[in-house]
Amino acid sequence: KGSGSKGSGSKGSGSKGSSSTEKEVEDMEKLTDRYYKFEDALRNVEKQLNKVRAERDSISTKKDYEKSINKEISLINEQIKAMENIRKEYQKERDEIKKTLKNNGFQFDKNGDITNYQKQLDKLVAQANKISDPEKKKAMQEQVKALADLIDRYNELEDETIPDTTTEITDLKNEIADLTKDLADQTE
């Protein structure tokens, strides 16, 4: 499951100048690298799995078949580990976003849902609209837009990405159980 480019960096910090731009570039570099190593590890395992599965069609002995199944189980375990690492990184990103949102007045219930989403956004928009200085007003509007983007990313992680990844891990564990049963059946 790839989503290396779905993260949200710091968008519109509200200040001007090259230090702000450099910070945004630095944040984007962190963002681009955030999932790459995990997804690359997952892709490599998936390539090996596909090769093992493709080679199984030409296996003629029971011993080689068992070796192939055991190799597949081992690779699926590596795949699970890679998926767990990706999930941990998703959770870390979600927690970072949650902290940023809390620091900007957003509140969360015990399930992780934002309880004052619309009210707080409306409040921030109203604050931005009261600013008379055009540059400061624009900066505040960009900050509100960045927070809205963070809310979208938070909800995506919390409600879709992390649960979907957990389901994929469970499916892989079930696949190992099926292969183990198949292997046991073959040896009877």
Protein backbone atom coordinates (compact mmCIF):
# COMPACT_ATOMS: atom_id res chain seq x y z
CA LYS A 1 0.00 0.00 0.00
CA GLY A 2 1.81 3.11 -1.13
CA SER A 3 1.17 6.55 0.12
CA GLY A 4 4.54 8.17 0.41
CA SER A 5 3.38 11.44 -1.05
CA LYS A 6 0.16 11.77 0.92
CA GLY A 7 1.66 13.45 3.98
CA SER A 8 1.19 17.04 4.95
CA GLY A 9 4.08 19.35 5.61
CA SER A 10 4.14 22.82 7.04
CA LYS A 11 2.12 24.93 4.63
CA GLY A 12 2.21 28.67 5.15
CA SER A 13 3.82 29.32 8.48
CA GLY A 14 2.57 32.88 8.46
CA SER A 15 5.97 34.51 8.32
CA LYS A 16 7.77 35.91 5.33
CA GLY A 17 11.35 35.69 4.19
CA SER A 18 13.88 33.13 3.14
CA SER A 19 14.00 31.37 6.53
CA SER A 20 10.32 30.52 6.13
CA THR A 21 10.92 29.20 2.62
CA GLU A 22 13.94 27.19 3.77
CA LYS A 23 11.88 25.69 6.60
CA GLU A 24 9.13 24.70 4.16
CA VAL A 25 11.68 23.11 1.81
CA GLU A 26 13.21 21.26 4.77
CA ASP A 27 9.75 20.08 5.86
CA MET A 28 9.00 18.89 2.33
CA GLU A 29 12.30 16.97 2.22
CA LYS A 30 11.38 15.26 5.48
CA LEU A 31 7.94 14.56 4.03
CA THR A 32 9.27 12.98 0.85
CA ASP A 33 11.56 10.67 2.75
CA ARG A 34 9.09 9.80 5.49
CA TYR A 35 7.60 6.65 3.96
CA TYR A 36 10.11 5.87 1.23
CA LYS A 37 12.36 3.45 3.14
CA PHE A 38 9.37 1.52 4.51
CA GLU A 39 7.58 1.31 1.19
CA ASP A 40 10.81 0.38 -0.59
CA ALA A 41 11.33 -2.51 1.85
CA LEU A 42 7.75 -3.61 1.24
CA ARG A 43 8.18 -3.46 -2.56
CA ASN A 44 11.35 -5.55 -2.34
CA VAL A 45 9.61 -8.25 -0.29
CA GLU A 46 6.64 -8.25 -2.67
CA LYS A 47 8.99 -8.79 -5.64
CA GLN A 48 10.56 -11.77 -3.87
CA LEU A 49 7.13 -13.14 -2.98
CA ASN A 50 5.96 -12.90 -6.59
CA LYS A 51 9.08 -14.76 -7.73
CA VAL A 52 8.60 -17.56 -5.17
CA ARG A 53 4.94 -17.93 -6.12
CA ALA A 54 5.71 -17.96 -9.84
CA GLU A 55 8.42 -20.60 -9.42
CA ARG A 56 6.07 -22.87 -7.46
CA ASP A 57 4.29 -23.90 -10.69
CA SER A 58 7.42 -25.69 -11.87
CA ILE A 59 8.12 -27.54 -8.60
CA SER A 60 7.98 -31.30 -8.98
CA THR A 61 9.01 -32.70 -5.60
CA LYS A 62 7.23 -32.58 -2.27
CA LYS A 63 10.43 -31.42 -0.56
CA ASP A 64 10.83 -28.46 -2.94
CA TYR A 65 7.15 -27.60 -2.50
CA GLU A 66 7.59 -27.50 1.29
CA LYS A 67 10.70 -25.32 0.90
CA SER A 68 8.73 -22.98 -1.33
CA ILE A 69 5.86 -22.69 1.14
CA ASN A 70 8.29 -22.09 4.02
CA LYS A 71 10.07 -19.42 1.98
CA GLU A 72 6.72 -17.79 1.22
CA ILE A 73 5.78 -17.81 4.92
CA SER A 74 9.12 -16.23 5.78
CA LEU A 75 8.64 -13.52 3.16
CA ILE A 76 5.08 -12.84 4.33
CA ASN A 77 6.47 -12.40 7.85
CA GLU A 78 8.89 -9.82 6.40
CA GLN A 79 5.96 -8.21 4.62
CA ILE A 80 4.05 -8.01 7.92
CA LYS A 81 7.05 -6.38 9.59
CA ALA A 82 7.28 -3.83 6.76
CA MET A 83 3.55 -3.09 7.01
CA GLU A 84 3.83 -2.70 10.78
CA ASN A 85 6.67 -0.20 10.27
CA ILE A 86 4.56 1.73 7.78
CA ARG A 87 1.62 1.71 10.20
CA LYS A 88 3.85 3.01 13.01
CA GLU A 89 4.95 5.86 10.77
CA TYR A 90 1.32 6.63 9.87
CA GLN A 91 0.50 6.70 13.58
CA LYS A 92 3.47 8.96 14.25
CA GLU A 93 2.33 11.36 11.52
CA ARG A 94 -1.24 11.29 12.88
CA ASP A 95 0.01 12.06 16.39
CA GLU A 96 2.15 14.95 15.13
CA ILE A 97 -0.84 16.42 13.30
CA LYS A 98 -3.06 15.92 16.35
CA LYS A 99 -0.55 17.84 18.49
CA THR A 100 -0.48 20.70 15.97
CA LEU A 101 -4.26 20.81 15.85
CA LYS A 102 -4.53 20.77 19.66
CA ASN A 103 -2.05 23.65 19.78
CA ASN A 104 -4.43 25.56 17.50
CA GLY A 105 -7.51 25.05 19.66
CA PHE A 106 -8.93 21.83 18.22
CA GLN A 107 -10.26 19.27 20.70
CA PHE A 108 -10.52 15.51 20.41
CA ASP A 109 -12.77 12.91 22.01
CA LYS A 110 -11.58 9.54 23.33
CA ASN A 111 -12.05 7.99 19.87
CA GLY A 112 -9.72 10.51 18.27
CA ASP A 113 -12.50 12.46 16.54
CA ILE A 114 -12.25 16.25 16.39
CA THR A 115 -15.14 17.57 18.47
CA ASN A 116 -14.99 21.28 17.60
CA TYR A 117 -13.92 21.07 13.96
CA GLN A 118 -16.32 23.58 12.39
CA LYS A 119 -16.53 25.89 15.39
CA GLN A 120 -12.75 26.29 15.65
CA LEU A 121 -12.27 26.73 11.89
CA ASP A 122 -15.01 29.39 11.87
CA LYS A 123 -13.29 31.12 14.79
CA LEU A 124 -9.93 31.13 12.99
CA VAL A 125 -11.50 32.38 9.75
CA ALA A 126 -13.21 35.19 11.68
CA GLN A 127 -9.89 36.14 13.28
CA ALA A 128 -8.23 36.22 9.87
CA ASN A 129 -11.00 38.36 8.42
CA LYS A 130 -10.60 40.93 11.23
CA ILE A 131 -6.97 41.59 10.35
CA SER A 132 -6.60 44.87 8.44
CA ASP A 133 -2.99 44.50 7.28
CA PRO A 134 -3.24 42.69 3.90
CA GLU A 135 0.00 40.73 4.34
CA LYS A 136 -0.86 39.59 7.86
CA LYS A 137 -4.39 38.77 6.76
CA LYS A 138 -3.12 36.67 3.86
CA ALA A 139 -0.65 34.88 6.15
CA MET A 140 -3.44 34.07 8.63
CA GLN A 141 -5.71 32.84 5.82
CA GLU A 142 -2.90 30.58 4.59
CA GLN A 143 -2.45 29.27 8.13
CA VAL A 144 -6.17 28.48 8.38
CA LYS A 145 -6.03 26.73 4.99
CA ALA A 146 -3.00 24.72 6.17
CA LEU A 147 -4.90 23.69 9.30
CA ALA A 148 -7.89 22.61 7.19
CA ASP A 149 -5.49 20.51 5.08
CA LEU A 150 -4.03 19.00 8.25
CA ILE A 151 -7.54 18.14 9.45
CA ASP A 152 -8.19 16.35 6.16
CA ARG A 153 -4.91 14.44 6.44
CA TYR A 154 -5.58 13.60 10.10
CA ASN A 155 -9.03 12.21 9.24
CA GLU A 156 -7.60 10.24 6.31
CA LEU A 157 -4.97 8.66 8.55
CA GLU A 158 -7.29 8.05 11.50
CA ASP A 159 -10.33 6.79 9.60
CA GLU A 160 -8.88 5.09 6.53
CA THR A 161 -5.14 4.61 6.19
CA ILE A 162 -4.30 3.21 9.63
CA PRO A 163 -7.36 0.89 9.83
CA ASP A 164 -6.79 -0.29 6.24
CA THR A 165 -3.15 -1.06 7.00
CA THR A 166 -4.19 -2.98 10.12
CA THR A 167 -6.64 -5.00 8.02
CA GLU A 168 -3.90 -5.78 5.50
CA ILE A 169 -1.65 -7.02 8.31
CA THR A 170 -4.45 -9.25 9.63
CA ASP A 171 -5.03 -10.60 6.10
CA LEU A 172 -1.33 -11.45 5.81
CA LYS A 173 -1.40 -13.26 9.15
CA ASN A 174 -4.43 -15.24 7.93
CA GLU A 175 -2.54 -16.06 4.75
CA ILE A 176 0.29 -17.52 6.85
CA ALA A 177 -2.23 -19.61 8.79
CA ASP A 178 -3.68 -20.91 5.51
CA LEU A 179 -0.22 -21.74 4.14
CA THR A 180 0.73 -23.49 7.38
CA LYS A 181 -2.46 -25.55 7.20
CA ASP A 182 -1.78 -26.33 3.53
CA LEU A 183 1.73 -27.44 4.44
CA ALA A 184 0.43 -29.64 7.25
CA ASP A 185 -2.13 -31.19 4.90
CA GLN A 186 0.62 -31.94 2.35
CA THR A 187 2.73 -33.78 4.90
CA GLU A 188 -0.08 -36.11 6.03
